[in-house]
Amino acid sequence: MILQVSRAIGLFAIARRLTQSGLRILCYHGFALKDESEFHPKLFITARTFLMRLRYLHKHNYPVLPLAQALELLDRGQLPPASTVITIDDGFYGTYLSALDALHQFAFPATTYVTTYYSLKGGPVFRLCVQYMFWKTRKDGFKGSHLGLDWLGDVAWHSAEEKTKIVWEIIHHGETACDEESRRALCRRLGECLEVNYDEILAHRLMSILSPDEVRQVARRGMDIQLHTHRHYFPVDREAAVKEIRDNRAALEELVGQRLHHFCYPSGLWSNRQWSWLKEEGIQSATTCIPGFNYSSTHRLALRRFLDGENIAFIEFEAEMSGFLELVRKTRAFMNRLVGREVGLSSRPVCR
């Protein structure tokens, strides 16, 4: 209601003028092929909602620029007002099946950060597949022995918390004690236990990453392919972190035929300790999951983005793009600093 009133009285239009120098970077992940947007609305967006977002950008004259061009113009102080970049994380199959055509409809460029382990291996992302099957099932228990995990015993849940605990026990086992072939067999048995059709998940490519050939195809159709680690994991250990970048780069550069210089932190987890490693690997920019606009003062290895998804109401999207929420963030940060200074002053010892 507050956002609706703010827009009606013209605050969105004022905010757009006040924040026009800020580079907006939108972040998307998966594009729903069936019911994934109901399963995980923060991670998956429907083709209809995505098309509505693009139509809004086009109708309201937001300049949508390629990532590299936008950053170059930002460095030179020549960025068009309210410039916007569209980024897509992970490289789910829906990027190829639905997002690409929607972007072409408006001639919008976009960058897709592709994680390559499941691109090369094929099949659904194990962790998401397990979570999806537990979300979809109507059962409330099964025997661990039927799953081949006798140590689980008779599994039952009576609350969302109990169910989540079991989900993560299975995920942890699969990720630490199984190879990829064993994880797929585990998913198939889990589907049988939960009465969820695993073959249907495979057939529809749910939670699956673009294949190498599909990466080539989207690149040929104008999609900017960039780095996102090989195993969707960016460790705090330098050697392991560099390996993630190099493995990812080796797989992708062979497919797109050019050097890649832009990076996205997986799961938005990062530390400025990692910046020197990124620079040594020739990384020119890195995107985070921190909300906000980007200015000449924004560190290029800590670019801010707005995470859009099916969970975001259209009025929230408008408020973000207009800069209204950016002004709210800045006001809140200013008030927090002001309160912090007042607390600091009041806590000082009195000199006598």
Protein backbone atom coordinates (compact mmCIF):
# COMPACT_ATOMS: atom_id res chain seq x y z
CA MET A 1 0.00 0.00 0.00
CA ILE A 2 2.85 2.38 0.84
CA LEU A 3 4.48 1.70 -2.52
CA GLN A 4 1.21 2.14 -4.39
CA VAL A 5 0.58 5.51 -2.72
CA SER A 6 4.20 6.59 -3.28
CA ARG A 7 3.90 5.85 -6.99
CA ALA A 8 0.51 7.58 -7.24
CA ILE A 9 1.80 10.85 -5.78
CA GLY A 10 4.83 10.90 -8.06
CA LEU A 11 7.61 9.75 -5.73
CA PHE A 12 8.74 7.02 -8.15
CA ALA A 13 9.23 9.58 -10.91
CA ILE A 14 11.19 11.87 -8.57
CA ALA A 15 13.31 8.93 -7.38
CA ARG A 16 14.19 8.01 -10.95
CA ARG A 17 15.57 11.50 -11.57
CA LEU A 18 17.49 11.53 -8.30
CA THR A 19 19.07 8.10 -8.90
CA GLN A 20 19.54 8.27 -12.68
CA SER A 21 23.34 8.02 -12.38
CA GLY A 22 23.09 4.62 -10.68
CA LEU A 23 23.56 1.49 -12.77
CA ARG A 24 20.76 -0.99 -12.14
CA ILE A 25 21.75 -4.66 -12.43
CA LEU A 26 18.91 -7.18 -12.41
CA CYS A 27 19.54 -10.78 -11.36
CA TYR A 28 17.52 -13.81 -12.43
CA HIS A 29 18.14 -17.50 -11.88
CA GLY A 30 15.87 -20.22 -13.22
CA PHE A 31 12.91 -19.92 -15.59
CA ALA A 32 10.09 -22.27 -14.66
CA LEU A 33 9.41 -25.13 -17.05
CA LYS A 34 6.58 -26.61 -14.96
CA ASP A 35 5.87 -25.84 -11.30
CA GLU A 36 9.36 -24.79 -10.12
CA SER A 37 8.19 -21.22 -9.42
CA GLU A 38 5.75 -22.64 -6.86
CA PHE A 39 8.44 -24.86 -5.38
CA HIS A 40 11.08 -22.09 -5.12
CA PRO A 41 9.65 -18.69 -6.18
CA LYS A 42 12.82 -16.84 -5.18
CA LEU A 43 14.92 -18.98 -7.52
CA PHE A 44 12.51 -19.58 -10.41
CA ILE A 45 10.37 -17.09 -12.33
CA THR A 46 7.64 -17.86 -14.85
CA ALA A 47 8.02 -16.88 -18.50
CA ARG A 48 4.93 -14.68 -18.15
CA THR A 49 6.34 -12.68 -15.23
CA PHE A 50 9.73 -12.31 -16.92
CA LEU A 51 8.06 -11.03 -20.08
CA MET A 52 6.11 -8.48 -18.01
CA ARG A 53 9.39 -7.22 -16.53
CA LEU A 54 10.98 -6.80 -19.95
CA ARG A 55 7.88 -5.09 -21.31
CA TYR A 56 8.04 -2.62 -18.41
CA LEU A 57 11.70 -1.81 -19.09
CA HIS A 58 10.91 -1.26 -22.77
CA LYS A 59 7.78 0.84 -22.17
CA HIS A 60 9.48 3.10 -19.62
CA ASN A 61 12.64 3.61 -21.68
CA TYR A 62 15.24 2.01 -19.42
CA PRO A 63 18.42 1.67 -21.51
CA VAL A 64 19.34 -2.03 -21.30
CA LEU A 65 23.06 -2.40 -21.99
CA PRO A 66 25.55 -5.27 -22.21
CA LEU A 67 27.44 -5.71 -18.95
CA ALA A 68 30.90 -4.83 -20.30
CA GLN A 69 29.64 -1.73 -22.13
CA ALA A 70 27.71 -0.51 -19.09
CA LEU A 71 30.78 -0.82 -16.85
CA GLU A 72 32.97 0.97 -19.39
CA LEU A 73 30.50 3.85 -19.64
CA LEU A 74 30.21 3.95 -15.84
CA ASP A 75 34.00 4.27 -15.58
CA ARG A 76 33.97 7.14 -18.09
CA GLY A 77 31.03 8.92 -16.47
CA GLN A 78 28.99 8.56 -19.68
CA LEU A 79 26.31 6.14 -18.56
CA PRO A 80 22.82 6.97 -19.96
CA PRO A 81 20.27 7.82 -17.24
CA ALA A 82 18.79 4.80 -15.42
CA SER A 83 20.90 2.33 -17.40
CA THR A 84 20.13 -1.32 -16.70
CA VAL A 85 21.96 -4.63 -17.08
CA ILE A 86 20.21 -8.01 -17.08
CA THR A 87 22.12 -10.93 -15.57
CA ILE A 88 21.12 -14.58 -15.23
CA ASP A 89 22.87 -16.87 -12.76
CA ASP A 90 23.68 -20.58 -13.07
CA GLY A 91 22.52 -21.18 -16.65
CA PHE A 92 19.44 -23.32 -16.11
CA TYR A 93 17.86 -24.95 -19.17
CA GLY A 94 14.96 -22.48 -19.02
CA THR A 95 17.40 -19.74 -20.04
CA TYR A 96 17.63 -21.44 -23.43
CA LEU A 97 14.02 -22.55 -23.65
CA SER A 98 12.17 -19.34 -22.69
CA ALA A 99 14.36 -16.42 -21.53
CA LEU A 100 16.33 -16.11 -24.77
CA ASP A 101 13.25 -15.60 -26.95
CA ALA A 102 11.78 -13.08 -24.51
CA LEU A 103 15.01 -11.06 -24.53
CA HIS A 104 15.15 -11.15 -28.34
CA GLN A 105 11.58 -9.86 -28.53
CA PHE A 106 12.82 -6.54 -27.08
CA ALA A 107 16.38 -6.75 -28.46
CA PHE A 108 17.71 -6.73 -24.88
CA PRO A 109 21.23 -8.03 -24.20
CA ALA A 110 21.91 -10.17 -21.14
CA THR A 111 24.77 -11.91 -19.37
CA THR A 112 24.46 -15.50 -18.18
CA TYR A 113 26.94 -16.71 -15.56
CA VAL A 114 27.19 -20.47 -16.17
CA THR A 115 28.29 -23.00 -13.59
CA THR A 116 29.80 -25.93 -15.47
CA TYR A 117 29.84 -29.11 -13.34
CA TYR A 118 26.23 -30.05 -14.14
CA SER A 119 26.58 -28.63 -17.64
CA LEU A 120 29.19 -31.31 -18.34
CA LYS A 121 27.61 -34.07 -16.22
CA GLY A 122 23.99 -33.55 -17.26
CA GLY A 123 20.95 -34.33 -15.13
CA PRO A 124 19.28 -32.15 -12.49
CA VAL A 125 21.23 -30.37 -9.77
CA PHE A 126 21.22 -32.95 -6.97
CA ARG A 127 20.47 -30.62 -4.09
CA LEU A 128 17.55 -28.95 -5.87
CA CYS A 129 16.19 -32.26 -7.10
CA VAL A 130 16.01 -33.67 -3.57
CA GLN A 131 14.34 -30.52 -2.26
CA TYR A 132 11.87 -30.50 -5.15
CA MET A 133 10.80 -34.12 -4.64
CA PHE A 134 10.21 -33.57 -0.93
CA TRP A 135 8.18 -30.46 -1.78
CA LYS A 136 6.10 -32.35 -4.33
CA THR A 137 5.39 -35.54 -2.39
CA ARG A 138 2.15 -36.17 -0.55
CA LYS A 139 3.69 -38.84 1.62
CA ASP A 140 4.79 -38.22 5.19
CA GLY A 141 7.40 -40.93 5.57
CA PHE A 142 9.24 -43.95 4.18
CA LYS A 143 11.71 -46.61 5.25
CA GLY A 144 15.35 -45.60 5.04
CA SER A 145 16.21 -49.12 3.91
CA HIS A 146 14.12 -48.60 0.75
CA LEU A 147 16.40 -45.65 -0.03
CA GLY A 148 19.49 -47.75 0.62
CA LEU A 149 20.25 -45.70 3.72
CA ASP A 150 19.63 -48.08 6.60
CA TRP A 151 21.09 -45.59 9.07
CA LEU A 152 18.07 -43.33 8.47
CA GLY A 153 15.73 -45.92 9.98
CA ASP A 154 11.99 -45.38 9.57
CA VAL A 155 11.69 -41.81 8.30
CA ALA A 156 8.62 -39.72 9.18
CA TRP A 157 7.89 -36.03 9.59
CA HIS A 158 5.08 -34.17 11.31
CA SER A 159 6.26 -30.62 10.72
CA ALA A 160 8.09 -28.55 8.14
CA GLU A 161 11.11 -28.41 10.45
CA GLU A 162 11.32 -32.21 10.73
CA LYS A 163 10.94 -32.56 6.97
CA THR A 164 13.69 -30.00 6.32
CA LYS A 165 16.03 -31.85 8.68
CA ILE A 166 15.58 -35.10 6.74
CA VAL A 167 16.06 -33.31 3.43
CA TRP A 168 19.42 -31.93 4.51
CA GLU A 169 20.57 -35.25 5.94
CA ILE A 170 20.01 -36.83 2.52
CA ILE A 171 21.64 -33.91 0.70
CA HIS A 172 24.66 -34.02 2.99
CA HIS A 173 25.04 -37.77 2.44
CA GLY A 174 24.77 -37.40 -1.33
CA GLU A 175 27.21 -34.51 -1.56
CA THR A 176 29.84 -35.97 0.76
CA ALA A 177 29.61 -39.75 0.34
CA CYS A 178 28.46 -40.32 -3.26
CA ASP A 179 29.79 -39.79 -6.76
CA GLU A 180 27.50 -38.40 -9.46
CA GLU A 181 26.28 -41.81 -10.62
CA SER A 182 25.41 -42.76 -7.04
CA ARG A 183 23.61 -39.45 -6.51
CA ARG A 184 21.43 -40.11 -9.55
CA ALA A 185 20.61 -43.61 -8.29
CA LEU A 186 19.77 -42.08 -4.91
CA CYS A 187 17.41 -39.59 -6.57
CA ARG A 188 15.67 -42.37 -8.47
CA ARG A 189 15.14 -44.41 -5.27
CA LEU A 190 13.99 -41.27 -3.46
CA GLY A 191 11.42 -40.65 -6.19
CA GLU A 192 10.10 -44.17 -5.69
CA CYS A 193 9.92 -43.70 -1.91
CA LEU A 194 8.15 -40.35 -2.23
CA GLU A 195 6.02 -41.40 -5.23
CA VAL A 196 7.42 -38.56 -7.34
CA ASN A 197 8.23 -39.36 -10.99
CA TYR A 198 11.99 -38.91 -11.37
CA ASP A 199 11.82 -39.81 -15.07
CA GLU A 200 9.48 -36.85 -15.59
CA ILE A 201 12.02 -34.56 -13.92
CA LEU A 202 14.66 -35.85 -16.33
CA ALA A 203 12.40 -35.62 -19.38
CA HIS A 204 11.43 -31.99 -18.71
CA ARG A 205 15.00 -31.00 -17.74
CA LEU A 206 13.78 -29.58 -14.43
CA MET A 207 16.61 -28.07 -12.33
CA SER A 208 19.06 -28.89 -15.14
CA ILE A 209 21.88 -26.71 -16.47
CA LEU A 210 22.52 -25.88 -20.13
CA SER A 211 24.45 -28.60 -21.95
CA PRO A 212 27.73 -27.62 -23.66
CA ASP A 213 25.96 -27.56 -27.03
CA GLU A 214 23.22 -25.32 -25.60
CA VAL A 215 25.84 -22.97 -24.18
CA ARG A 216 27.28 -22.70 -27.70
CA GLN A 217 23.83 -22.02 -29.13
CA VAL A 218 22.87 -19.25 -26.69
CA ALA A 219 26.28 -17.63 -27.21
CA ARG A 220 25.77 -17.70 -30.99
CA ARG A 221 22.39 -16.06 -30.49
CA GLY A 222 23.99 -13.14 -28.68
CA MET A 223 23.94 -14.15 -25.01
CA ASP A 224 27.03 -13.00 -23.12
CA ILE A 225 28.41 -16.08 -21.31
CA GLN A 226 30.54 -15.44 -18.23
CA LEU A 227 32.08 -17.20 -15.21
CA HIS A 228 30.31 -18.66 -12.16
CA THR A 229 32.74 -21.33 -10.80
CA HIS A 230 32.73 -24.97 -11.84
CA ARG A 231 30.99 -26.51 -8.82
CA HIS A 232 28.93 -23.48 -7.70
CA TYR A 233 31.33 -23.00 -4.81
CA PHE A 234 33.93 -20.29 -4.20
CA PRO A 235 36.13 -21.30 -1.24
CA VAL A 236 38.05 -19.00 1.08
CA ASP A 237 41.16 -21.07 0.35
CA ARG A 238 43.11 -19.40 -2.46
CA GLU A 239 44.25 -22.55 -4.25
CA ALA A 240 40.77 -24.09 -4.24
CA ALA A 241 39.13 -20.81 -5.31
CA VAL A 242 41.51 -20.35 -8.23
CA LYS A 243 40.87 -23.95 -9.30
CA GLU A 244 37.12 -23.23 -9.39
CA ILE A 245 37.66 -20.26 -11.70
CA ARG A 246 40.12 -22.07 -13.95
CA ASP A 247 37.97 -25.19 -14.28
CA ASN A 248 34.95 -23.03 -15.07
CA ARG A 249 36.90 -20.89 -17.53
CA ALA A 250 38.45 -23.88 -19.31
CA ALA A 251 35.03 -25.41 -19.94
CA LEU A 252 33.30 -22.20 -21.06
CA GLU A 253 36.02 -20.54 -23.13
CA GLU A 254 36.28 -23.62 -25.32
CA LEU A 255 32.55 -23.32 -26.00
CA VAL A 256 32.31 -19.57 -26.67
CA GLY A 257 35.73 -19.08 -28.27
CA GLN A 258 36.82 -16.00 -26.35
CA ARG A 259 38.43 -14.93 -23.09
CA LEU A 260 35.98 -14.38 -20.21
CA HIS A 261 36.57 -11.56 -17.74
CA HIS A 262 33.39 -11.22 -15.67
CA PHE A 263 32.40 -13.32 -12.65
CA CYS A 264 29.46 -13.92 -10.34
CA TYR A 265 29.94 -15.11 -6.74
CA PRO A 266 27.97 -18.38 -6.29
CA SER A 267 25.22 -18.02 -3.69
CA GLY A 268 26.36 -14.43 -3.21
CA LEU A 269 29.09 -15.50 -0.77
CA TRP A 270 32.32 -13.53 -1.00
CA SER A 271 35.06 -11.74 0.90
CA ASN A 272 37.30 -8.85 -0.12
CA ARG A 273 40.20 -11.21 0.68
CA GLN A 274 39.32 -12.94 -2.58
CA TRP A 275 39.65 -9.81 -4.72
CA SER A 276 43.39 -10.14 -5.25
CA TRP A 277 42.87 -13.72 -6.48
CA LEU A 278 40.22 -12.55 -8.93
CA LYS A 279 42.48 -9.80 -10.24
CA GLU A 280 45.32 -12.26 -10.73
CA GLU A 281 42.95 -14.40 -12.82
CA GLY A 282 42.06 -11.42 -15.02
CA ILE A 283 38.58 -10.87 -13.59
CA GLN A 284 37.38 -7.34 -14.31
CA SER A 285 34.04 -7.40 -12.50
CA ALA A 286 32.17 -9.57 -10.01
CA THR A 287 28.50 -9.39 -9.07
CA THR A 288 27.08 -9.98 -5.59
CA CYS A 289 23.57 -10.48 -4.23
CA ILE A 290 23.68 -7.24 -2.24
CA PRO A 291 20.79 -4.94 -3.23
CA GLY A 292 21.56 -1.46 -4.51
CA PHE A 293 22.69 0.57 -7.50
CA ASN A 294 26.23 0.91 -8.78
CA TYR A 295 28.13 4.18 -9.06
CA SER A 296 31.63 5.27 -10.03
CA SER A 297 32.66 4.63 -6.40
CA THR A 298 31.28 1.06 -6.33
CA HIS A 299 34.07 -1.52 -6.31
CA ARG A 300 33.94 -3.46 -9.55
CA LEU A 301 34.45 -6.75 -7.67
CA ALA A 302 31.44 -6.03 -5.44
CA LEU A 303 28.74 -4.96 -7.88
CA ARG A 304 25.24 -4.77 -6.43
CA ARG A 305 22.14 -6.35 -7.94
CA PHE A 306 18.40 -6.66 -7.45
CA LEU A 307 17.34 -10.32 -7.16
CA ASP A 308 14.08 -10.64 -9.07
CA GLY A 309 11.87 -13.70 -8.96
CA GLU A 310 8.30 -14.93 -8.78
CA ASN A 311 8.31 -13.86 -5.12
CA ILE A 312 8.66 -10.17 -6.05
CA ALA A 313 5.41 -8.25 -6.56
CA PHE A 314 5.27 -6.05 -9.64
CA ILE A 315 5.01 -2.88 -7.55
CA GLU A 316 8.25 -3.90 -5.78
CA PHE A 317 9.94 -4.29 -9.15
CA GLU A 318 8.74 -0.82 -10.18
CA ALA A 319 9.91 0.64 -6.87
CA GLU A 320 13.35 -0.88 -7.35
CA MET A 321 13.78 0.19 -10.96
CA SER A 322 12.59 3.73 -10.29
CA GLY A 323 15.16 4.13 -7.54
CA PHE A 324 12.56 4.62 -4.81
CA LEU A 325 13.86 1.64 -2.83
CA GLU A 326 17.42 2.82 -3.45
CA LEU A 327 16.56 6.11 -1.73
CA VAL A 328 14.91 4.18 1.10
CA ARG A 329 18.14 2.16 1.55
CA LYS A 330 20.28 5.29 1.52
CA THR A 331 17.99 7.03 4.03
CA ARG A 332 18.03 4.01 6.30
CA ALA A 333 21.84 3.77 6.11
CA PHE A 334 22.15 7.49 6.89
CA MET A 335 19.83 7.18 9.90
CA ASN A 336 21.76 4.15 11.17
CA ARG A 337 25.03 6.09 10.94
CA LEU A 338 23.42 9.07 12.67
CA VAL A 339 22.08 6.91 15.50
CA GLY A 340 25.47 5.21 15.75
CA ARG A 341 27.22 8.55 16.17
CA GLU A 342 24.71 9.65 18.80
CA VAL A 343 25.15 6.42 20.70
CA GLY A 344 28.90 6.82 20.46
CA LEU A 345 28.74 10.38 21.81
CA SER A 346 26.39 9.49 24.64
CA SER A 347 28.58 6.57 25.70
CA ARG A 348 31.73 8.63 26.01
CA PRO A 349 33.01 9.25 29.58
CA VAL A 350 32.44 12.77 30.83
CA CYS A 351 35.66 14.76 31.32
CA ARG A 352 35.81 16.65 34.59
